[in-house]
Amino acid sequence: MSNLVEKLRMFSSGQLQFAVFFVISFSATVVWMYRKDSKGHKIHYAGSYKILIGFVLAIVALFMIKVFIH
């Protein structure tokens, strides 16, 4: 724990306050925008799970080829 305190001493109290404010503000904005756009995601990305499955299968196939060749 004291190691963390030593590392935090290199920042001023203003810098730490800004960092906390920034993290809270950024997280709140990301959550708010995701909730705002979630209706559009259901419309525009309706079949995207099929593409994800295709990518996963392609990666698994490449891995299997590598394993069996070596």
Protein backbone atom coordinates (compact mmCIF):
# COMPACT_ATOMS: atom_id res chain seq x y z
CA MET A 1 0.00 0.00 0.00
CA SER A 2 2.82 2.40 0.81
CA ASN A 3 4.22 1.85 -2.70
CA LEU A 4 0.97 3.24 -4.14
CA VAL A 5 1.16 6.25 -1.85
CA GLU A 6 4.73 6.91 -2.97
CA LYS A 7 3.70 6.77 -6.64
CA LEU A 8 0.78 9.13 -6.07
CA ARG A 9 3.05 11.73 -4.46
CA MET A 10 4.51 12.58 -7.84
CA PHE A 11 1.14 14.12 -8.82
CA SER A 12 -0.18 17.34 -7.35
CA SER A 13 -3.58 17.40 -5.68
CA GLY A 14 -4.95 19.37 -8.66
CA GLN A 15 -3.78 16.70 -11.08
CA LEU A 16 -5.38 13.95 -9.01
CA GLN A 17 -8.64 15.90 -8.75
CA PHE A 18 -8.64 16.41 -12.53
CA ALA A 19 -7.98 12.71 -13.12
CA VAL A 20 -10.88 11.67 -10.88
CA PHE A 21 -13.19 14.25 -12.50
CA PHE A 22 -12.14 13.13 -15.99
CA VAL A 23 -12.69 9.42 -15.30
CA ILE A 24 -16.14 10.03 -13.81
CA SER A 25 -17.18 12.41 -16.61
CA PHE A 26 -15.85 10.19 -19.38
CA SER A 27 -17.53 7.07 -17.96
CA ALA A 28 -20.84 8.86 -17.54
CA THR A 29 -20.68 10.19 -21.11
CA VAL A 30 -19.89 6.75 -22.54
CA VAL A 31 -22.81 5.15 -20.66
CA TRP A 32 -25.18 7.95 -21.67
CA MET A 33 -24.22 7.77 -25.36
CA TYR A 34 -24.47 3.96 -25.40
CA ARG A 35 -27.96 4.09 -23.94
CA LYS A 36 -28.93 6.78 -26.44
CA ASP A 37 -27.64 4.72 -29.39
CA SER A 38 -28.81 1.29 -28.22
CA LYS A 39 -32.03 1.48 -30.24
CA GLY A 40 -30.07 2.11 -33.41
CA HIS A 41 -27.73 -0.78 -32.68
CA LYS A 42 -30.64 -3.21 -32.78
CA ILE A 43 -31.67 -1.91 -36.22
CA HIS A 44 -28.31 -1.46 -37.96
CA TYR A 45 -26.38 -4.39 -36.47
CA ALA A 46 -29.13 -7.02 -36.42
CA GLY A 47 -27.13 -9.88 -38.00
CA SER A 48 -23.66 -8.99 -36.83
CA TYR A 49 -23.35 -12.09 -34.64
CA LYS A 50 -23.05 -14.17 -37.84
CA ILE A 51 -19.97 -12.20 -38.89
CA LEU A 52 -18.48 -12.62 -35.42
CA ILE A 53 -19.01 -16.38 -35.61
CA GLY A 54 -17.35 -16.38 -39.04
CA PHE A 55 -14.28 -14.56 -37.70
CA VAL A 56 -14.01 -16.92 -34.74
CA LEU A 57 -14.28 -19.96 -37.01
CA ALA A 58 -11.63 -18.55 -39.37
CA ILE A 59 -9.23 -17.97 -36.47
CA VAL A 60 -9.87 -21.47 -35.11
CA ALA A 61 -9.28 -22.92 -38.59
CA LEU A 62 -5.97 -21.06 -38.93
CA PHE A 63 -4.91 -22.25 -35.48
CA MET A 64 -5.81 -25.85 -36.32
CA ILE A 65 -3.84 -25.67 -39.57
CA LYS A 66 -0.83 -24.33 -37.66
CA VAL A 67 -1.08 -27.06 -35.04
CA PHE A 68 -1.36 -29.90 -37.55
CA ILE A 69 1.39 -28.63 -39.88
CA HIS A 70 3.94 -28.24 -37.09
